C-alpha atoms as a PDB file:
ATOM      1  CA  MET A   1      85.693 109.563  93.123  1.00  0.00           C
ATOM      2  CA  THR A   2      84.380 111.112  89.996  1.00  0.00           C
ATOM      3  CA  THR A   3      86.830 111.905  86.935  1.00  0.00           C
ATOM      4  CA  LEU A   4      87.537 115.844  86.363  1.00  0.00           C
ATOM      5  CA  THR A   5      86.398 117.504  83.408  1.00  0.00           C
ATOM      6  CA  THR A   6      88.696 118.086  80.307  1.00  0.00           C
ATOM      7  CA  ALA A   7      89.381 121.362  81.494  1.00  0.00           C
ATOM      8  CA  ARG A   8      89.870 120.963  84.728  1.00  0.00           C
ATOM      9  CA  GLN A   9      92.736 117.898  83.993  1.00  0.00           C
ATOM     10  CA  ASP A  10      94.191 121.043  81.348  1.00  0.00           C
ATOM     11  CA  TYR A  11      94.310 123.727  84.456  1.00  0.00           C
ATOM     12  CA  LEU A  12      95.907 120.491  86.839  1.00  0.00           C
ATOM     13  CA  ARG A  13      98.522 119.434  84.548  1.00  0.00           C
ATOM     14  CA  ASP A  14      99.505 123.660  84.081  1.00  0.00           C
ATOM     15  CA  ALA A  15      99.684 123.723  88.346  1.00  0.00           C
ATOM     16  CA  ILE A  16     101.682 120.213  88.698  1.00  0.00           C
ATOM     17  CA  ALA A  17     104.264 121.453  85.849  1.00  0.00           C
ATOM     18  CA  ASP A  18     104.385 124.997  87.862  1.00  0.00           C
ATOM     19  CA  GLU A  19     105.456 122.483  91.132  1.00  0.00           C
ATOM     20  CA  ALA A  20     107.737 120.313  89.505  1.00  0.00           C
ATOM     21  CA  LEU A  21     109.614 123.692  87.902  1.00  0.00           C
ATOM     22  CA  ILE A  22     109.643 125.105  91.658  1.00  0.00           C
ATOM     23  CA  ALA A  23     110.799 121.106  92.686  1.00  0.00           C
ATOM     24  CA  LYS A  24     113.531 121.438  90.216  1.00  0.00           C
ATOM     25  CA  LEU A  25     114.420 124.816  91.102  1.00  0.00           C
ATOM     26  CA  LEU A  26     114.445 123.940  95.173  1.00  0.00           C
ATOM     27  CA  GLY A  27     116.896 120.890  94.320  1.00  0.00           C
ATOM     28  CA  TYR A  28     113.775 118.049  93.974  1.00  0.00           C
ATOM     29  CA  ARG A  29     114.494 115.130  91.272  1.00  0.00           C
ATOM     30  CA  ALA A  30     113.075 111.867  90.287  1.00  0.00           C
ATOM     31  CA  LEU A  31     110.004 113.676  88.748  1.00  0.00           C
ATOM     32  CA  GLU A  32     106.757 111.544  87.342  1.00  0.00           C
ATOM     33  CA  VAL A  33     103.832 113.417  86.506  1.00  0.00           C
ATOM     34  CA  PRO A  34     100.021 111.797  86.440  1.00  0.00           C
ATOM     35  CA  ASN A  35      98.028 112.122  83.383  1.00  0.00           C
ATOM     36  CA  VAL A  36      94.554 111.205  85.056  1.00  0.00           C
ATOM     37  CA  PHE A  37      93.197 113.151  88.120  1.00  0.00           C
ATOM     38  CA  VAL A  38      90.278 112.382  90.483  1.00  0.00           C
ATOM     39  CA  ASN A  39      88.592 114.744  92.704  1.00  0.00           C
ATOM     40  CA  ALA A  40      88.695 112.299  96.139  1.00  0.00           C
ATOM     41  CA  ASN A  41      87.220 114.081  99.403  1.00  0.00           C
ATOM     42  CA  ALA A  42      87.651 117.992  98.062  1.00  0.00           C
ATOM     43  CA  VAL A  43      91.647 117.254  97.359  1.00  0.00           C
ATOM     44  CA  ILE A  44      92.880 116.429  93.735  1.00  0.00           C
ATOM     45  CA  TRP A  45      95.175 113.654  93.406  1.00  0.00           C
ATOM     46  CA  GLY A  46      97.395 112.055  90.760  1.00  0.00           C
ATOM     47  CA  VAL A  47      95.564 108.476  90.378  1.00  0.00           C
ATOM     48  CA  ARG A  48      99.627 107.079  89.757  1.00  0.00           C
ATOM     49  CA  PRO A  49     101.193 105.323  92.781  1.00  0.00           C
ATOM     50  CA  ASP A  50     104.635 106.182  90.942  1.00  0.00           C
ATOM     51  CA  PHE A  51     103.599 109.590  91.341  1.00  0.00           C
ATOM     52  CA  LYS A  52     106.631 110.989  93.888  1.00  0.00           C
ATOM     53  CA  LEU A  53     109.426 113.088  93.841  1.00  0.00           C
ATOM     54  CA  GLU A  54     112.965 112.130  95.625  1.00  0.00           C
ATOM     55  CA  TRP A  55     114.140 115.222  98.114  1.00  0.00           C
ATOM     56  CA  GLN A  56     118.389 115.545  97.395  1.00  0.00           C
ATOM     57  CA  GLY A  57     119.978 113.768 100.152  1.00  0.00           C
ATOM     58  CA  GLN A  58     117.169 112.214 101.900  1.00  0.00           C
ATOM     59  CA  THR A  59     117.208 108.401 101.796  1.00  0.00           C
ATOM     60  CA  GLY A  60     113.474 108.062 101.379  1.00  0.00           C
ATOM     61  CA  ARG A  61     111.020 109.025  98.923  1.00  0.00           C
ATOM     62  CA  SER A  62     108.396 111.639  99.405  1.00  0.00           C
ATOM     63  CA  PHE A  63     105.223 113.544  97.818  1.00  0.00           C
ATOM     64  CA  LEU A  64     105.560 116.366  95.809  1.00  0.00           C
ATOM     65  CA  PRO A  65     104.673 119.010  97.483  1.00  0.00           C
ATOM     66  CA  GLN A  66     101.275 121.071  96.909  1.00  0.00           C
ATOM     67  CA  TRP A  67     101.991 124.290  96.461  1.00  0.00           C
ATOM     68  CA  ARG A  68      99.802 125.565  93.247  1.00  0.00           C
ATOM     69  CA  ARG A  69      97.131 122.601  94.676  1.00  0.00           C
ATOM     70  CA  THR A  70      96.358 123.307  97.960  1.00  0.00           C
ATOM     71  CA  TRP A  71      96.654 126.171 101.111  1.00  0.00           C
ATOM     72  CA  ASP A  72      98.651 123.350 102.882  1.00  0.00           C
ATOM     73  CA  GLY A  73     101.181 123.375 100.307  1.00  0.00           C
ATOM     74  CA  ALA A  74     100.813 127.306  99.265  1.00  0.00           C
ATOM     75  CA  GLY A  75     101.741 128.452 102.974  1.00  0.00           C
ATOM     76  CA  GLU A  76     105.103 126.430 102.691  1.00  0.00           C
ATOM     77  CA  LEU A  77     105.903 128.876  99.143  1.00  0.00           C
ATOM     78  CA  ILE A  78     105.257 131.872 100.673  1.00  0.00           C
ATOM     79  CA  VAL A  79     107.582 131.365 104.037  1.00  0.00           C
ATOM     80  CA  ARG A  80     109.910 129.808 101.995  1.00  0.00           C
ATOM     81  CA  CYS A  81     110.229 132.501  99.559  1.00  0.00           C
ATOM     82  CA  GLU A  82     108.852 135.163 101.761  1.00  0.00           C
ATOM     83  CA  LEU A  83     106.384 136.259  99.197  1.00  0.00           C
ATOM     84  CA  THR A  84     104.233 139.329  99.248  1.00  0.00           C
ATOM     85  CA  ILE A  85     100.081 138.662  98.605  1.00  0.00           C
ATOM     86  CA  VAL A  86      97.851 142.253  97.522  1.00  0.00           C
ATOM     87  CA  GLN A  87      94.480 141.231  96.667  1.00  0.00           C
ATOM     88  CA  HIS A  88      92.483 143.572  94.880  1.00  0.00           C
ATOM     89  CA  PRO A  89      88.327 143.127  93.620  1.00  0.00           C
ATOM     90  CA  ALA A  90      89.510 142.179  90.470  1.00  0.00           C
ATOM     91  CA  GLY A  91      92.453 140.074  91.587  1.00  0.00           C
ATOM     92  CA  VAL A  92      96.089 139.279  93.130  1.00  0.00           C
ATOM     93  CA  ILE A  93      99.784 141.010  92.850  1.00  0.00           C
ATOM     94  CA  VAL A  94     101.668 138.952  94.213  1.00  0.00           C
ATOM     95  CA  GLU A  95     105.448 140.254  95.213  1.00  0.00           C
ATOM     96  CA  HIS A  96     108.506 139.312  96.332  1.00  0.00           C
ATOM     97  CA  PRO A  97     110.743 141.566  98.666  1.00  0.00           C
ATOM     98  CA  TYR A  98     114.032 141.338  96.953  1.00  0.00           C
ATOM     99  CA  TYR A  99     113.202 140.395  93.333  1.00  0.00           C
ATOM    100  CA  ASP A 100     112.473 143.280  91.089  1.00  0.00           C
ATOM    101  CA  GLY A 101     109.129 142.096  89.768  1.00  0.00           C
ATOM    102  CA  GLU A 102     105.182 141.135  90.372  1.00  0.00           C
ATOM    103  CA  VAL A 103     103.384 138.369  89.383  1.00  0.00           C
ATOM    104  CA  GLN A 104      99.485 139.549  88.278  1.00  0.00           C
ATOM    105  CA  ALA A 105      96.275 137.499  88.108  1.00  0.00           C
ATOM    106  CA  THR A 106      92.823 137.815  87.402  1.00  0.00           C
ATOM    107  CA  TYR A 107      90.164 135.758  89.559  1.00  0.00           C
ATOM    108  CA  PHE A 108      87.934 135.592  86.211  1.00  0.00           C
ATOM    109  CA  ALA A 109      90.685 133.642  84.208  1.00  0.00           C
ATOM    110  CA  HIS A 110      90.980 130.793  87.238  1.00  0.00           C
ATOM    111  CA  PRO A 111      88.427 128.331  88.022  1.00  0.00           C
ATOM    112  CA  SER A 112      88.038 130.047  92.052  1.00  0.00           C
ATOM    113  CA  LYS A 113      89.580 132.656  93.585  1.00  0.00           C
ATOM    114  CA  ASP A 114      91.867 130.719  95.343  1.00  0.00           C
ATOM    115  CA  ASP A 115      93.349 128.710  92.293  1.00  0.00           C
ATOM    116  CA  ALA A 116      94.154 132.312  91.104  1.00  0.00           C
ATOM    117  CA  ILE A 117      96.276 133.325  94.158  1.00  0.00           C
ATOM    118  CA  ARG A 118      97.820 129.749  94.435  1.00  0.00           C
ATOM    119  CA  PHE A 119      98.564 130.471  90.784  1.00  0.00           C
ATOM    120  CA  ALA A 120     100.328 133.700  91.198  1.00  0.00           C
ATOM    121  CA  MET A 121     102.046 132.854  94.387  1.00  0.00           C
ATOM    122  CA  CYS A 122     104.006 129.772  92.201  1.00  0.00           C
ATOM    123  CA  LYS A 123     104.771 132.021  89.314  1.00  0.00           C
ATOM    124  CA  ALA A 124     106.418 134.372  91.586  1.00  0.00           C
ATOM    125  CA  ALA A 125     108.091 132.180  93.130  1.00  0.00           C
ATOM    126  CA  ILE A 126     109.560 130.545  89.923  1.00  0.00           C
ATOM    127  CA  ALA A 127     110.611 134.294  88.987  1.00  0.00           C
ATOM    128  CA  TYR A 128     112.427 134.417  92.007  1.00  0.00           C
ATOM    129  CA  LEU A 129     114.110 131.221  92.674  1.00  0.00           C
ATOM    130  CA  THR A 130     114.958 131.403  88.674  1.00  0.00           C
ATOM    131  CA  ALA A 131     116.552 134.751  89.291  1.00  0.00           C
ATOM    132  CA  GLU A 132     118.155 133.719  92.783  1.00  0.00           C
ATOM    133  CA  ARG A 133     119.964 130.678  90.492  1.00  0.00           C
ATOM    134  CA  ALA A 134     120.940 133.207  88.029  1.00  0.00           C
ATOM    135  CA  ALA A 135     122.542 135.195  90.024  1.00  0.00           C
END
């Protein structure tokens, strides 16, 4: 395992903050955000063992879904929030069919094309879930 660069750690803190907000909007609770990251087998994990999120109504604890950090988590978010993803040469647009708005992300502003797509997906999910909660 290797320690990540400061820029990558900052990017991951932002990603986890988005994931924590989505979790809150979906009813999760008991969150603690890690402050150190390592890269293990190309998957990014928080180092602290207490980095857990409890789903309301469950008796046990479960890990915070990695909606912005992995495609496994992102896939769940696409289905759960009914997101539409449209890619173009410079970036991506993510929309929700019942929410009047879209989120755009350019590829060059993110560490990878995948990161840009997942960023836009999480921002669109946050906008949709916030609007749904306010309605």
